[in-house]
Amino acid sequence: MTKLSKATPKLVSIDSISLIILKQMIEIQFSLPESVFSVTRSTPDQFVQELRIAAAVKWYEIGRVSQSKAAEIAGISRQGFLDALNRFEVSPFQTTPDELEEEITRD
């Protein structure tokens, strides 16, 4: 089930100009067996956070998203995302060895 949750208004003031920024969040729900939480030794909230991080790391690894977008998806800071990349043993660099060699040999 997917639903659009109500956005919480955020007031931002810049040099006497006030803007209201609405960020809409989409809520996705799915069912998992209760045993998943005991196997992973996590609460449902911890499991969801880890799932978000794992998805963001994988999407970054395959080049689908940038580091900043992946951090946003994971709900963590950019530094936190870099720490997650290290934990999952994923390089923070998206350049392949072939691309790197091509750049080095370029005039």
PDB file of N, CA and C in Angstrom:
ATOM      1  N   MET A   1       0.836  -1.162   0.000  1.00  0.00           N
ATOM      2  CA  MET A   1       0.000   0.000   0.000  1.00  0.00           C
ATOM      3  C   MET A   1       0.891   1.240   0.000  1.00  0.00           C
ATOM      4  N   THR A   2       0.601   2.179  -0.853  1.00  0.00           N
ATOM      5  CA  THR A   2       1.354   3.418  -0.935  1.00  0.00           C
ATOM      6  C   THR A   2       0.398   4.572  -0.702  1.00  0.00           C
ATOM      7  N   LYS A   3       0.816   5.513   0.127  1.00  0.00           N
ATOM      8  CA  LYS A   3      -0.027   6.678   0.328  1.00  0.00           C
ATOM      9  C   LYS A   3       0.843   7.914   0.477  1.00  0.00           C
ATOM     10  N   LEU A   4       0.281   9.039   0.146  1.00  0.00           N
ATOM     11  CA  LEU A   4       0.960  10.316   0.246  1.00  0.00           C
ATOM     12  C   LEU A   4       0.598  10.921   1.584  1.00  0.00           C
ATOM     13  N   SER A   5       1.590  11.161   2.424  1.00  0.00           N
ATOM     14  CA  SER A   5       1.295  11.740   3.723  1.00  0.00           C
ATOM     15  C   SER A   5       1.238  13.260   3.610  1.00  0.00           C
ATOM     16  N   LYS A   6       0.574  13.872   4.570  1.00  0.00           N
ATOM     17  CA  LYS A   6       0.450  15.324   4.555  1.00  0.00           C
ATOM     18  C   LYS A   6       1.807  15.941   4.814  1.00  0.00           C
ATOM     19  N   ALA A   7       2.117  16.959   4.041  1.00  0.00           N
ATOM     20  CA  ALA A   7       3.389  17.645   4.185  1.00  0.00           C
ATOM     21  C   ALA A   7       3.349  18.568   5.390  1.00  0.00           C
ATOM     22  N   THR A   8       4.472  18.663   6.066  1.00  0.00           N
ATOM     23  CA  THR A   8       4.612  19.595   7.164  1.00  0.00           C
ATOM     24  C   THR A   8       5.254  20.851   6.624  1.00  0.00           C
ATOM     25  N   PRO A   9       4.581  22.002   6.767  1.00  0.00           N
ATOM     26  CA  PRO A   9       5.161  23.228   6.229  1.00  0.00           C
ATOM     27  C   PRO A   9       6.438  23.603   6.969  1.00  0.00           C
ATOM     28  N   LYS A  10       7.410  24.126   6.238  1.00  0.00           N
ATOM     29  CA  LYS A  10       8.656  24.592   6.812  1.00  0.00           C
ATOM     30  C   LYS A  10       8.834  26.035   6.382  1.00  0.00           C
ATOM     31  N   LEU A  11       8.978  26.925   7.342  1.00  0.00           N
ATOM     32  CA  LEU A  11       9.135  28.342   7.054  1.00  0.00           C
ATOM     33  C   LEU A  11      10.617  28.664   6.955  1.00  0.00           C
ATOM     34  N   VAL A  12      11.017  29.252   5.847  1.00  0.00           N
ATOM     35  CA  VAL A  12      12.407  29.628   5.622  1.00  0.00           C
ATOM     36  C   VAL A  12      12.439  31.115   5.331  1.00  0.00           C
ATOM     37  N   SER A  13      13.281  31.852   6.061  1.00  0.00           N
ATOM     38  CA  SER A  13      13.411  33.293   5.832  1.00  0.00           C
ATOM     39  C   SER A  13      14.777  33.599   5.234  1.00  0.00           C
ATOM     40  N   ILE A  14      14.769  34.318   4.129  1.00  0.00           N
ATOM     41  CA  ILE A  14      16.005  34.721   3.462  1.00  0.00           C
ATOM     42  C   ILE A  14      15.889  36.203   3.167  1.00  0.00           C
ATOM     43  N   ASP A  15      16.726  37.030   3.844  1.00  0.00           N
ATOM     44  CA  ASP A  15      16.739  38.476   3.607  1.00  0.00           C
ATOM     45  C   ASP A  15      15.333  39.061   3.493  1.00  0.00           C
ATOM     46  N   SER A  16      14.577  38.960   4.512  1.00  0.00           N
ATOM     47  CA  SER A  16      13.216  39.495   4.620  1.00  0.00           C
ATOM     48  C   SER A  16      12.201  38.876   3.661  1.00  0.00           C
ATOM     49  N   ILE A  17      12.569  37.792   3.021  1.00  0.00           N
ATOM     50  CA  ILE A  17      11.625  37.061   2.167  1.00  0.00           C
ATOM     51  C   ILE A  17      11.335  35.735   2.862  1.00  0.00           C
ATOM     52  N   SER A  18      10.090  35.450   3.067  1.00  0.00           N
ATOM     53  CA  SER A  18       9.724  34.200   3.718  1.00  0.00           C
ATOM     54  C   SER A  18       9.138  33.245   2.696  1.00  0.00           C
ATOM     55  N   LEU A  19       9.606  32.028   2.738  1.00  0.00           N
ATOM     56  CA  LEU A  19       9.109  30.990   1.849  1.00  0.00           C
ATOM     57  C   LEU A  19       8.578  29.849   2.698  1.00  0.00           C
ATOM     58  N   ILE A  20       7.510  29.271   2.272  1.00  0.00           N
ATOM     59  CA  ILE A  20       7.021  28.068   2.930  1.00  0.00           C
ATOM     60  C   ILE A  20       7.338  26.904   2.003  1.00  0.00           C
ATOM     61  N   ILE A  21       8.133  25.988   2.508  1.00  0.00           N
ATOM     62  CA  ILE A  21       8.544  24.830   1.714  1.00  0.00           C
ATOM     63  C   ILE A  21       7.761  23.617   2.192  1.00  0.00           C
ATOM     64  N   LEU A  22       7.071  22.983   1.274  1.00  0.00           N
ATOM     65  CA  LEU A  22       6.334  21.772   1.591  1.00  0.00           C
ATOM     66  C   LEU A  22       7.059  20.584   0.968  1.00  0.00           C
ATOM     67  N   LYS A  23       7.436  19.652   1.791  1.00  0.00           N
ATOM     68  CA  LYS A  23       8.047  18.429   1.284  1.00  0.00           C
ATOM     69  C   LYS A  23       7.052  17.308   1.500  1.00  0.00           C
ATOM     70  N   GLN A  24       6.612  16.729   0.426  1.00  0.00           N
ATOM     71  CA  GLN A  24       5.681  15.618   0.556  1.00  0.00           C
ATOM     72  C   GLN A  24       6.463  14.318   0.650  1.00  0.00           C
ATOM     73  N   MET A  25       5.993  13.476   1.504  1.00  0.00           N
ATOM     74  CA  MET A  25       6.609  12.173   1.682  1.00  0.00           C
ATOM     75  C   MET A  25       5.605  11.117   1.234  1.00  0.00           C
ATOM     76  N   ILE A  26       6.099  10.118   0.590  1.00  0.00           N
ATOM     77  CA  ILE A  26       5.265   8.986   0.207  1.00  0.00           C
ATOM     78  C   ILE A  26       5.551   7.862   1.194  1.00  0.00           C
ATOM     79  N   GLU A  27       4.504   7.333   1.745  1.00  0.00           N
ATOM     80  CA  GLU A  27       4.644   6.253   2.709  1.00  0.00           C
ATOM     81  C   GLU A  27       4.346   4.939   2.006  1.00  0.00           C
ATOM     82  N   ILE A  28       5.261   4.000   2.146  1.00  0.00           N
ATOM     83  CA  ILE A  28       5.098   2.683   1.532  1.00  0.00           C
ATOM     84  C   ILE A  28       5.002   1.655   2.655  1.00  0.00           C
ATOM     85  N   GLN A  29       3.994   0.826   2.592  1.00  0.00           N
ATOM     86  CA  GLN A  29       3.816  -0.203   3.604  1.00  0.00           C
ATOM     87  C   GLN A  29       3.892  -1.573   2.951  1.00  0.00           C
ATOM     88  N   PHE A  30       4.578  -2.503   3.623  1.00  0.00           N
ATOM     89  CA  PHE A  30       4.543  -3.879   3.169  1.00  0.00           C
ATOM     90  C   PHE A  30       4.641  -4.797   4.376  1.00  0.00           C
ATOM     91  N   SER A  31       4.218  -6.019   4.178  1.00  0.00           N
ATOM     92  CA  SER A  31       4.146  -6.979   5.275  1.00  0.00           C
ATOM     93  C   SER A  31       5.358  -7.896   5.268  1.00  0.00           C
ATOM     94  N   LEU A  32       5.855  -8.161   6.464  1.00  0.00           N
ATOM     95  CA  LEU A  32       6.963  -9.087   6.647  1.00  0.00           C
ATOM     96  C   LEU A  32       6.618 -10.036   7.787  1.00  0.00           C
ATOM     97  N   PRO A  33       7.115 -11.262   7.722  1.00  0.00           N
ATOM     98  CA  PRO A  33       6.880 -12.172   8.840  1.00  0.00           C
ATOM     99  C   PRO A  33       7.575 -11.644  10.099  1.00  0.00           C
ATOM    100  N   GLU A  34       6.977 -11.850  11.247  1.00  0.00           N
ATOM    101  CA  GLU A  34       7.561 -11.394  12.503  1.00  0.00           C
ATOM    102  C   GLU A  34       8.954 -11.970  12.731  1.00  0.00           C
ATOM    103  N   SER A  35       9.193 -13.147  12.206  1.00  0.00           N
ATOM    104  CA  SER A  35      10.493 -13.806  12.412  1.00  0.00           C
ATOM    105  C   SER A  35      11.657 -12.998  11.834  1.00  0.00           C
ATOM    106  N   VAL A  36      11.381 -12.131  10.855  1.00  0.00           N
ATOM    107  CA  VAL A  36      12.434 -11.304  10.262  1.00  0.00           C
ATOM    108  C   VAL A  36      13.101 -10.454  11.339  1.00  0.00           C
ATOM    109  N   PHE A  37      12.315  -9.931  12.251  1.00  0.00           N
ATOM    110  CA  PHE A  37      12.849  -9.040  13.270  1.00  0.00           C
ATOM    111  C   PHE A  37      13.687  -9.780  14.302  1.00  0.00           C
ATOM    112  N   SER A  38      13.317 -11.011  14.594  1.00  0.00           N
ATOM    113  CA  SER A  38      14.138 -11.773  15.542  1.00  0.00           C
ATOM    114  C   SER A  38      15.432 -12.241  14.882  1.00  0.00           C
ATOM    115  N   VAL A  39      15.375 -12.608  13.621  1.00  0.00           N
ATOM    116  CA  VAL A  39      16.578 -13.041  12.906  1.00  0.00           C
ATOM    117  C   VAL A  39      17.579 -11.888  12.781  1.00  0.00           C
ATOM    118  N   THR A  40      17.076 -10.715  12.482  1.00  0.00           N
ATOM    119  CA  THR A  40      17.958  -9.552  12.331  1.00  0.00           C
ATOM    120  C   THR A  40      18.245  -8.870  13.664  1.00  0.00           C
ATOM    121  N   ARG A  41      17.612  -9.367  14.727  1.00  0.00           N
ATOM    122  CA  ARG A  41      17.769  -8.801  16.074  1.00  0.00           C
ATOM    123  C   ARG A  41      17.535  -7.293  16.068  1.00  0.00           C
ATOM    124  N   SER A  42      16.416  -6.916  15.478  1.00  0.00           N
ATOM    125  CA  SER A  42      16.092  -5.498  15.389  1.00  0.00           C
ATOM    126  C   SER A  42      14.606  -5.269  15.626  1.00  0.00           C
ATOM    127  N   THR A  43      14.306  -4.057  16.000  1.00  0.00           N
ATOM    128  CA  THR A  43      12.911  -3.652  16.111  1.00  0.00           C
ATOM    129  C   THR A  43      12.417  -3.318  14.700  1.00  0.00           C
ATOM    130  N   PRO A  44      11.117  -3.232  14.500  1.00  0.00           N
ATOM    131  CA  PRO A  44      10.631  -2.838  13.174  1.00  0.00           C
ATOM    132  C   PRO A  44      11.199  -1.493  12.712  1.00  0.00           C
ATOM    133  N   ASP A  45      11.326  -0.518  13.612  1.00  0.00           N
ATOM    134  CA  ASP A  45      11.885   0.785  13.224  1.00  0.00           C
ATOM    135  C   ASP A  45      13.351   0.666  12.821  1.00  0.00           C
ATOM    136  N   GLN A  46      14.125  -0.125  13.556  1.00  0.00           N
ATOM    137  CA  GLN A  46      15.542  -0.333  13.210  1.00  0.00           C
ATOM    138  C   GLN A  46      15.654  -1.057  11.873  1.00  0.00           C
ATOM    139  N   PHE A  47      14.774  -2.020  11.652  1.00  0.00           N
ATOM    140  CA  PHE A  47      14.791  -2.765  10.401  1.00  0.00           C
ATOM    141  C   PHE A  47      14.509  -1.843   9.219  1.00  0.00           C
ATOM    142  N   VAL A  48      13.515  -0.969   9.355  1.00  0.00           N
ATOM    143  CA  VAL A  48      13.170  -0.037   8.280  1.00  0.00           C
ATOM    144  C   VAL A  48      14.343   0.889   7.993  1.00  0.00           C
ATOM    145  N   GLN A  49      14.994   1.395   9.035  1.00  0.00           N
ATOM    146  CA  GLN A  49      16.150   2.280   8.833  1.00  0.00           C
ATOM    147  C   GLN A  49      17.271   1.539   8.101  1.00  0.00           C
ATOM    148  N   GLU A  50      17.547   0.316   8.522  1.00  0.00           N
ATOM    149  CA  GLU A  50      18.606  -0.461   7.875  1.00  0.00           C
ATOM    150  C   GLU A  50      18.245  -0.794   6.428  1.00  0.00           C
ATOM    151  N   LEU A  51      16.974  -1.055   6.178  1.00  0.00           N
ATOM    152  CA  LEU A  51      16.505  -1.335   4.819  1.00  0.00           C
ATOM    153  C   LEU A  51      16.700  -0.110   3.921  1.00  0.00           C
ATOM    154  N   ARG A  52      16.372   1.071   4.441  1.00  0.00           N
ATOM    155  CA  ARG A  52      16.567   2.311   3.677  1.00  0.00           C
ATOM    156  C   ARG A  52      18.043   2.522   3.351  1.00  0.00           C
ATOM    157  N   ILE A  53      18.909   2.277   4.343  1.00  0.00           N
ATOM    158  CA  ILE A  53      20.345   2.446   4.119  1.00  0.00           C
ATOM    159  C   ILE A  53      20.853   1.444   3.097  1.00  0.00           C
ATOM    160  N   ALA A  54      20.452   0.185   3.235  1.00  0.00           N
ATOM    161  CA  ALA A  54      20.908  -0.857   2.313  1.00  0.00           C
ATOM    162  C   ALA A  54      20.475  -0.558   0.875  1.00  0.00           C
ATOM    163  N   ALA A  55      19.238  -0.118   0.704  1.00  0.00           N
ATOM    164  CA  ALA A  55      18.749   0.224  -0.638  1.00  0.00           C
ATOM    165  C   ALA A  55      19.531   1.401  -1.204  1.00  0.00           C
ATOM    166  N   ALA A  56      19.754   2.424  -0.386  1.00  0.00           N
ATOM    167  CA  ALA A  56      20.484   3.607  -0.851  1.00  0.00           C
ATOM    168  C   ALA A  56      21.913   3.250  -1.241  1.00  0.00           C
ATOM    169  N   VAL A  57      22.563   2.413  -0.436  1.00  0.00           N
ATOM    170  CA  VAL A  57      23.939   1.988  -0.746  1.00  0.00           C
ATOM    171  C   VAL A  57      23.969   1.225  -2.068  1.00  0.00           C
ATOM    172  N   LYS A  58      23.047   0.305  -2.238  1.00  0.00           N
ATOM    173  CA  LYS A  58      23.028  -0.482  -3.475  1.00  0.00           C
ATOM    174  C   LYS A  58      22.754   0.397  -4.686  1.00  0.00           C
ATOM    175  N   TRP A  59      21.778   1.298  -4.582  1.00  0.00           N
ATOM    176  CA  TRP A  59      21.464   2.182  -5.709  1.00  0.00           C
ATOM    177  C   TRP A  59      22.634   3.103  -6.029  1.00  0.00           C
ATOM    178  N   TYR A  60      23.376   3.529  -5.004  1.00  0.00           N
ATOM    179  CA  TYR A  60      24.577   4.327  -5.246  1.00  0.00           C
ATOM    180  C   TYR A  60      25.633   3.463  -5.943  1.00  0.00           C
ATOM    181  N   GLU A  61      25.815   2.250  -5.447  1.00  0.00           N
ATOM    182  CA  GLU A  61      26.833   1.343  -5.989  1.00  0.00           C
ATOM    183  C   GLU A  61      26.617   1.078  -7.476  1.00  0.00           C
ATOM    184  N   ILE A  62      25.369   0.949  -7.917  1.00  0.00           N
ATOM    185  CA  ILE A  62      25.097   0.664  -9.332  1.00  0.00           C
ATOM    186  C   ILE A  62      24.939   1.938 -10.160  1.00  0.00           C
ATOM    187  N   GLY A  63      25.154   3.092  -9.511  1.00  0.00           N
ATOM    188  CA  GLY A  63      25.133   4.351 -10.245  1.00  0.00           C
ATOM    189  C   GLY A  63      23.759   4.939 -10.494  1.00  0.00           C
ATOM    190  N   ARG A  64      22.783   4.481  -9.790  1.00  0.00           N
ATOM    191  CA  ARG A  64      21.416   4.976  -9.997  1.00  0.00           C
ATOM    192  C   ARG A  64      21.187   6.323  -9.313  1.00  0.00           C
ATOM    193  N   VAL A  65      21.874   6.562  -8.175  1.00  0.00           N
ATOM    194  CA  VAL A  65      21.697   7.814  -7.443  1.00  0.00           C
ATOM    195  C   VAL A  65      23.051   8.378  -7.025  1.00  0.00           C
ATOM    196  N   SER A  66      23.068   9.671  -6.745  1.00  0.00           N
ATOM    197  CA  SER A  66      24.277  10.339  -6.249  1.00  0.00           C
ATOM    198  C   SER A  66      24.416  10.088  -4.746  1.00  0.00           C
ATOM    199  N   GLN A  67      25.555  10.470  -4.193  1.00  0.00           N
ATOM    200  CA  GLN A  67      25.749  10.326  -2.751  1.00  0.00           C
ATOM    201  C   GLN A  67      24.733  11.143  -1.963  1.00  0.00           C
ATOM    202  N   SER A  68      24.498  12.372  -2.390  1.00  0.00           N
ATOM    203  CA  SER A  68      23.568  13.215  -1.633  1.00  0.00           C
ATOM    204  C   SER A  68      22.141  12.684  -1.716  1.00  0.00           C
ATOM    205  N   LYS A  69      21.730  12.197  -2.874  1.00  0.00           N
ATOM    206  CA  LYS A  69      20.383  11.631  -3.012  1.00  0.00           C
ATOM    207  C   LYS A  69      20.279  10.336  -2.204  1.00  0.00           C
ATOM    208  N   ALA A  70      21.332   9.529  -2.212  1.00  0.00           N
ATOM    209  CA  ALA A  70      21.326   8.285  -1.430  1.00  0.00           C
ATOM    210  C   ALA A  70      21.213   8.585   0.060  1.00  0.00           C
ATOM    211  N   ALA A  71      21.922   9.602   0.526  1.00  0.00           N
ATOM    212  CA  ALA A  71      21.835   9.990   1.933  1.00  0.00           C
ATOM    213  C   ALA A  71      20.414  10.432   2.271  1.00  0.00           C
ATOM    214  N   GLU A  72      19.794  11.167   1.357  1.00  0.00           N
ATOM    215  CA  GLU A  72      18.414  11.603   1.559  1.00  0.00           C
ATOM    216  C   GLU A  72      17.471  10.400   1.633  1.00  0.00           C
ATOM    217  N   ILE A  73      17.640   9.449   0.722  1.00  0.00           N
ATOM    218  CA  ILE A  73      16.815   8.234   0.722  1.00  0.00           C
ATOM    219  C   ILE A  73      16.988   7.476   2.040  1.00  0.00           C
ATOM    220  N   ALA A  74      18.229   7.384   2.490  1.00  0.00           N
ATOM    221  CA  ALA A  74      18.528   6.648   3.724  1.00  0.00           C
ATOM    222  C   ALA A  74      18.080   7.402   4.972  1.00  0.00           C
ATOM    223  N   GLY A  75      17.845   8.701   4.831  1.00  0.00           N
ATOM    224  CA  GLY A  75      17.431   9.493   5.981  1.00  0.00           C
ATOM    225  C   GLY A  75      18.574   9.802   6.930  1.00  0.00           C
ATOM    226  N   ILE A  76      19.792   9.901   6.371  1.00  0.00           N
ATOM    227  CA  ILE A  76      20.980  10.172   7.180  1.00  0.00           C
ATOM    228  C   ILE A  76      21.794  11.289   6.532  1.00  0.00           C
ATOM    229  N   SER A  77      22.770  11.790   7.256  1.00  0.00           N
ATOM    230  CA  SER A  77      23.642  12.837   6.715  1.00  0.00           C
ATOM    231  C   SER A  77      24.563  12.251   5.644  1.00  0.00           C
ATOM    232  N   ARG A  78      25.193  13.132   4.897  1.00  0.00           N
ATOM    233  CA  ARG A  78      26.144  12.671   3.871  1.00  0.00           C
ATOM    234  C   ARG A  78      27.293  11.916   4.532  1.00  0.00           C
ATOM    235  N   GLN A  79      27.793  12.425   5.664  1.00  0.00           N
ATOM    236  CA  GLN A  79      28.861  11.727   6.389  1.00  0.00           C
ATOM    237  C   GLN A  79      28.376  10.365   6.865  1.00  0.00           C
ATOM    238  N   GLY A  80      27.141  10.306   7.349  1.00  0.00           N
ATOM    239  CA  GLY A  80      26.569   9.030   7.764  1.00  0.00           C
ATOM    240  C   GLY A  80      26.485   8.056   6.600  1.00  0.00           C
ATOM    241  N   PHE A  81      26.177   8.589   5.407  1.00  0.00           N
ATOM    242  CA  PHE A  81      26.119   7.730   4.227  1.00  0.00           C
ATOM    243  C   PHE A  81      27.507   7.217   3.859  1.00  0.00           C
ATOM    244  N   LEU A  82      28.516   8.090   3.958  1.00  0.00           N
ATOM    245  CA  LEU A  82      29.888   7.639   3.685  1.00  0.00           C
ATOM    246  C   LEU A  82      30.300   6.544   4.672  1.00  0.00           C
ATOM    247  N   ASP A  83      29.885   6.681   5.926  1.00  0.00           N
ATOM    248  CA  ASP A  83      30.147   5.631   6.913  1.00  0.00           C
ATOM    249  C   ASP A  83      29.440   4.333   6.533  1.00  0.00           C
ATOM    250  N   ALA A  84      28.209   4.447   6.025  1.00  0.00           N
ATOM    251  CA  ALA A  84      27.462   3.254   5.598  1.00  0.00           C
ATOM    252  C   ALA A  84      28.155   2.587   4.413  1.00  0.00           C
ATOM    253  N   LEU A  85      28.672   3.392   3.466  1.00  0.00           N
ATOM    254  CA  LEU A  85      29.415   2.816   2.338  1.00  0.00           C
ATOM    255  C   LEU A  85      30.592   1.995   2.856  1.00  0.00           C
ATOM    256  N   ASN A  86      31.295   2.533   3.830  1.00  0.00           N
ATOM    257  CA  ASN A  86      32.429   1.818   4.406  1.00  0.00           C
ATOM    258  C   ASN A  86      31.974   0.524   5.076  1.00  0.00           C
ATOM    259  N   ARG A  87      30.879   0.599   5.820  1.00  0.00           N
ATOM    260  CA  ARG A  87      30.351  -0.587   6.513  1.00  0.00           C
ATOM    261  C   ARG A  87      29.962  -1.686   5.530  1.00  0.00           C
ATOM    262  N   PHE A  88      29.401  -1.293   4.378  1.00  0.00           N
ATOM    263  CA  PHE A  88      28.989  -2.256   3.354  1.00  0.00           C
ATOM    264  C   PHE A  88      30.112  -2.567   2.360  1.00  0.00           C
ATOM    265  N   GLU A  89      31.295  -1.988   2.607  1.00  0.00           N
ATOM    266  CA  GLU A  89      32.469  -2.200   1.751  1.00  0.00           C
ATOM    267  C   GLU A  89      32.215  -1.801   0.302  1.00  0.00           C
ATOM    268  N   VAL A  90      31.596  -0.616   0.138  1.00  0.00           N
ATOM    269  CA  VAL A  90      31.322  -0.048  -1.186  1.00  0.00           C
ATOM    270  C   VAL A  90      32.178   1.203  -1.322  1.00  0.00           C
ATOM    271  N   SER A  91      32.863   1.318  -2.435  1.00  0.00           N
ATOM    272  CA  SER A  91      33.723   2.477  -2.675  1.00  0.00           C
ATOM    273  C   SER A  91      32.895   3.751  -2.784  1.00  0.00           C
ATOM    274  N   PRO A  92      33.380   4.847  -2.204  1.00  0.00           N
ATOM    275  CA  PRO A  92      32.678   6.121  -2.357  1.00  0.00           C
ATOM    276  C   PRO A  92      32.892   6.755  -3.732  1.00  0.00           C
ATOM    277  N   PHE A  93      33.759   6.149  -4.532  1.00  0.00           N
ATOM    278  CA  PHE A  93      34.069   6.667  -5.865  1.00  0.00           C
ATOM    279  C   PHE A  93      33.317   5.863  -6.914  1.00  0.00           C
ATOM    280  N   GLN A  94      32.657   6.545  -7.834  1.00  0.00           N
ATOM    281  CA  GLN A  94      31.874   5.853  -8.859  1.00  0.00           C
ATOM    282  C   GLN A  94      32.619   5.719 -10.182  1.00  0.00           C
ATOM    283  N   THR A  95      33.883   6.019 -10.205  1.00  0.00           N
ATOM    284  CA  THR A  95      34.663   5.899 -11.429  1.00  0.00           C
ATOM    285  C   THR A  95      35.201   4.475 -11.533  1.00  0.00           C
ATOM    286  N   THR A  96      35.006   3.861 -12.692  1.00  0.00           N
ATOM    287  CA  THR A  96      35.532   2.512 -12.903  1.00  0.00           C
ATOM    288  C   THR A  96      37.018   2.606 -13.226  1.00  0.00           C
ATOM    289  N   PRO A  97      37.771   1.512 -13.061  1.00  0.00           N
ATOM    290  CA  PRO A  97      39.192   1.538 -13.429  1.00  0.00           C
ATOM    291  C   PRO A  97      39.407   1.926 -14.901  1.00  0.00           C
ATOM    292  N   ASP A  98      38.525   1.454 -15.797  1.00  0.00           N
ATOM    293  CA  ASP A  98      38.652   1.802 -17.217  1.00  0.00           C
ATOM    294  C   ASP A  98      38.454   3.303 -17.435  1.00  0.00           C
ATOM    295  N   GLU A  99      37.459   3.885 -16.761  1.00  0.00           N
ATOM    296  CA  GLU A  99      37.213   5.335 -16.894  1.00  0.00           C
ATOM    297  C   GLU A  99      38.390   6.121 -16.341  1.00  0.00           C
ATOM    298  N   LEU A 100      38.954   5.665 -15.242  1.00  0.00           N
ATOM    299  CA  LEU A 100      40.101   6.327 -14.644  1.00  0.00           C
ATOM    300  C   LEU A 100      41.312   6.282 -15.576  1.00  0.00           C
ATOM    301  N   GLU A 101      41.547   5.120 -16.173  1.00  0.00           N
ATOM    302  CA  GLU A 101      42.667   4.971 -17.114  1.00  0.00           C
ATOM    303  C   GLU A 101      42.472   5.874 -18.329  1.00  0.00           C
ATOM    304  N   GLU A 102      41.227   5.945 -18.816  1.00  0.00           N
ATOM    305  CA  GLU A 102      40.927   6.808 -19.961  1.00  0.00           C
ATOM    306  C   GLU A 102      41.205   8.270 -19.637  1.00  0.00           C
ATOM    307  N   GLU A 103      40.857   8.700 -18.437  1.00  0.00           N
ATOM    308  CA  GLU A 103      41.116  10.083 -18.040  1.00  0.00           C
ATOM    309  C   GLU A 103      42.600  10.359 -17.934  1.00  0.00           C
ATOM    310  N   ILE A 104      43.362   9.404 -17.440  1.00  0.00           N
ATOM    311  CA  ILE A 104      44.797   9.591 -17.280  1.00  0.00           C
ATOM    312  C   ILE A 104      45.492   9.681 -18.625  1.00  0.00           C
ATOM    313  N   THR A 105      45.066   8.874 -19.590  1.00  0.00           N
ATOM    314  CA  THR A 105      45.722   8.853 -20.903  1.00  0.00           C
ATOM    315  C   THR A 105      45.218   9.923 -21.856  1.00  0.00           C
ATOM    316  N   ARG A 106      44.202  10.643 -21.458  1.00  0.00           N
ATOM    317  CA  ARG A 106      43.661  11.718 -22.286  1.00  0.00           C
ATOM    318  C   ARG A 106      44.655  12.855 -22.395  1.00  0.00           C
ATOM    319  N   ASP A 107      44.728  13.492 -23.552  1.00  0.00           N
ATOM    320  CA  ASP A 107      45.655  14.635 -23.767  1.00  0.00           C
ATOM    321  C   ASP A 107      45.268  15.828 -22.973  1.00  0.00           C
TER     322      ASP A 107
END
